[in-house]
Every structure is written in C-alpha cells, then in structure tokens.
Protein backbone atom coordinates (compact mmCIF):
# COMPACT_ATOMS: atom_id res chain seq x y z
CA MET A 1 -26.51 0.07 -9.24
CA VAL A 2 -23.99 -1.28 -6.72
CA LEU A 3 -21.64 -2.33 -9.51
CA LEU A 4 -22.02 1.05 -11.18
CA GLU A 5 -21.01 2.81 -7.83
CA VAL A 6 -17.97 0.43 -7.42
CA TYR A 7 -16.82 1.21 -11.11
CA LYS A 8 -17.35 4.89 -10.39
CA GLU A 9 -15.40 4.49 -7.25
CA ARG A 10 -12.42 2.70 -8.92
CA GLU A 11 -12.24 5.27 -11.50
CA LYS A 12 -12.02 8.23 -8.97
CA GLU A 13 -9.24 6.34 -7.14
CA GLN A 14 -7.32 5.73 -10.45
CA GLU A 15 -7.68 9.33 -11.48
CA ALA A 16 -6.50 10.53 -8.05
CA LEU A 17 -3.52 7.97 -8.01
CA SER A 18 -2.37 9.07 -11.37
CA GLU A 19 -2.61 12.88 -10.35
CA VAL A 20 -0.75 12.32 -7.26
CA ALA A 21 1.96 10.14 -9.10
CA TYR A 22 2.19 12.55 -12.03
CA THR A 23 2.66 15.81 -9.84
CA GLN A 24 5.06 14.24 -7.47
CA THR A 25 7.14 12.36 -10.13
CA GLU A 26 7.38 14.43 -13.34
CA SER A 27 11.08 13.50 -13.88
CA TYR A 28 10.83 9.63 -13.13
CA ASN A 29 10.71 7.06 -15.78
CA SER A 30 7.71 4.61 -16.20
CA ASP A 31 8.91 1.85 -13.98
CA ASP A 32 9.56 4.28 -11.29
CA LEU A 33 6.03 5.67 -11.65
CA GLU A 34 4.50 2.34 -11.47
CA HIS A 35 6.46 1.43 -8.39
CA ARG A 36 5.66 4.72 -6.80
CA ALA A 37 1.98 4.18 -7.80
CA GLU A 38 1.90 0.72 -6.31
CA CYS A 39 3.41 2.11 -2.98
CA LEU A 40 0.85 4.71 -2.95
CA LYS A 41 -1.95 2.09 -3.42
CA ARG A 42 -0.54 0.22 -0.46
CA CYS A 43 -0.23 3.06 1.69
CA LEU A 44 -3.81 4.08 0.99
CA GLU A 45 -4.96 0.60 1.96
CA GLY A 46 -3.45 1.19 5.27
CA HIS A 47 -5.85 3.93 6.07
CA THR A 48 -9.67 3.78 7.10
CA PRO A 49 -12.15 3.80 4.13
CA ASP A 50 -13.25 7.30 5.35
CA ASN A 51 -9.70 8.75 5.06
CA ARG A 52 -9.04 6.96 1.56
CA GLU A 53 -12.30 8.60 0.26
CA LEU A 54 -11.45 11.97 1.77
CA ILE A 55 -8.01 12.07 0.19
CA LEU A 56 -8.93 10.78 -3.14
CA GLN A 57 -11.94 13.06 -3.39
CA TYR A 58 -9.85 16.07 -2.14
CA TYR A 59 -7.50 15.92 -5.08
CA GLN A 60 -9.97 15.25 -7.85
CA GLY A 61 -10.75 17.59 -10.60
CA GLU A 62 -8.92 20.45 -12.26
CA LYS A 63 -8.78 24.05 -11.09
CA GLY A 64 -12.35 25.20 -10.73
CA ALA A 65 -13.78 21.87 -10.55
CA LYS A 66 -11.44 20.88 -7.80
CA ILE A 67 -12.42 23.76 -5.71
CA GLU A 68 -15.89 22.97 -6.33
CA ASN A 69 -15.38 19.46 -5.27
CA ARG A 70 -13.66 20.44 -1.98
CA LYS A 71 -16.73 22.71 -1.12
CA LYS A 72 -18.90 19.88 -1.61
CA LEU A 73 -16.94 17.53 0.28
CA SER A 74 -16.71 19.96 3.10
CA GLU A 75 -20.74 20.12 3.13
CA LYS A 76 -20.93 16.46 2.88
CA LEU A 77 -18.77 15.98 5.98
CA LYS A 78 -20.28 18.85 7.77
CA THR A 79 -16.68 20.30 8.17
CA PRO A 80 -15.53 23.77 7.84
CA LEU A 81 -13.30 24.15 4.79
CA ASN A 82 -10.14 24.95 6.81
CA THR A 83 -10.40 21.86 8.83
CA LEU A 84 -10.86 19.95 5.67
CA ARG A 85 -7.57 21.23 4.52
CA MET A 86 -5.79 20.55 7.70
CA ARG A 87 -7.18 16.79 7.43
CA ALA A 88 -6.07 16.53 3.86
CA LEU A 89 -2.65 17.85 4.71
CA ARG A 90 -2.09 15.51 7.59
CA LEU A 91 -3.26 12.60 5.46
CA ARG A 92 -1.03 13.71 2.64
CA GLU A 93 1.95 14.01 4.82
CA ARG A 94 1.39 10.50 6.41
CA LEU A 95 1.03 9.06 2.85
CA GLN A 96 4.27 10.83 1.52
CA ILE A 97 6.36 9.18 4.62
CA CYS A 98 4.64 5.84 3.82
CA VAL A 99 5.46 6.11 -0.01
CA ALA A 100 9.07 7.15 0.84
CA ASP A 101 9.50 4.32 3.17
CA CYS A 102 7.98 1.84 0.72
CA LEU A 103 10.35 3.21 -1.91
CA LYS A 104 13.38 2.63 0.31
CA ALA A 105 12.50 -0.95 0.81
C-alpha cells in the first residue's frame, strides 16, 4: 500500500509539473521545457512537504475536476477557499521567481 501511495504521489507530481510547464512555456522548444521543468522540480524541493503537496494538488485536474479538487483540498486543510487561493498564489509567485532565477543561472 505504501508503494502504491508513493506511485500515486509521483504521478500527481509529474502531472502538475507538466501542466505548469506547458501553460507557462507554450512557445519554447523541448530542451527549454526540460530545463524549466528541472528548475521547477528544484524549486519545489526547496519548499516544505506541505507546501509542495498544496501547490501540486491545487493545479491538478481539468475544468470541473480542478474546481472539485480545490474544494476537497480546502476541506482537507480546514481552510476557506479564498485563503487556499491566496496561499496558492503566494506559493506560485515564489516558485515563479525561483524558476526565473534558476533559468538565468
């Protein structure tokens, strides 16, 4: 069961990373995308496990599923949806700065 949980977590992480990389870099070539994804992974590792989980779960899913996932995450964290949005916004901003710095290096 633990192995299954680890596998599911990695799958979620890869999904979220690819979604963020795709939406942010539609006009880049594959080498650029790989470099950006690697920078994003590195930046995510710099955050606490709770923050990593929050940001990855926040951006999972498509349209209606994404909305439902956010409601469930809000309930799980016992946090109002607006507070969750603000936390995700702040995390995303920090990640964007970190990725931009990583790409400059």
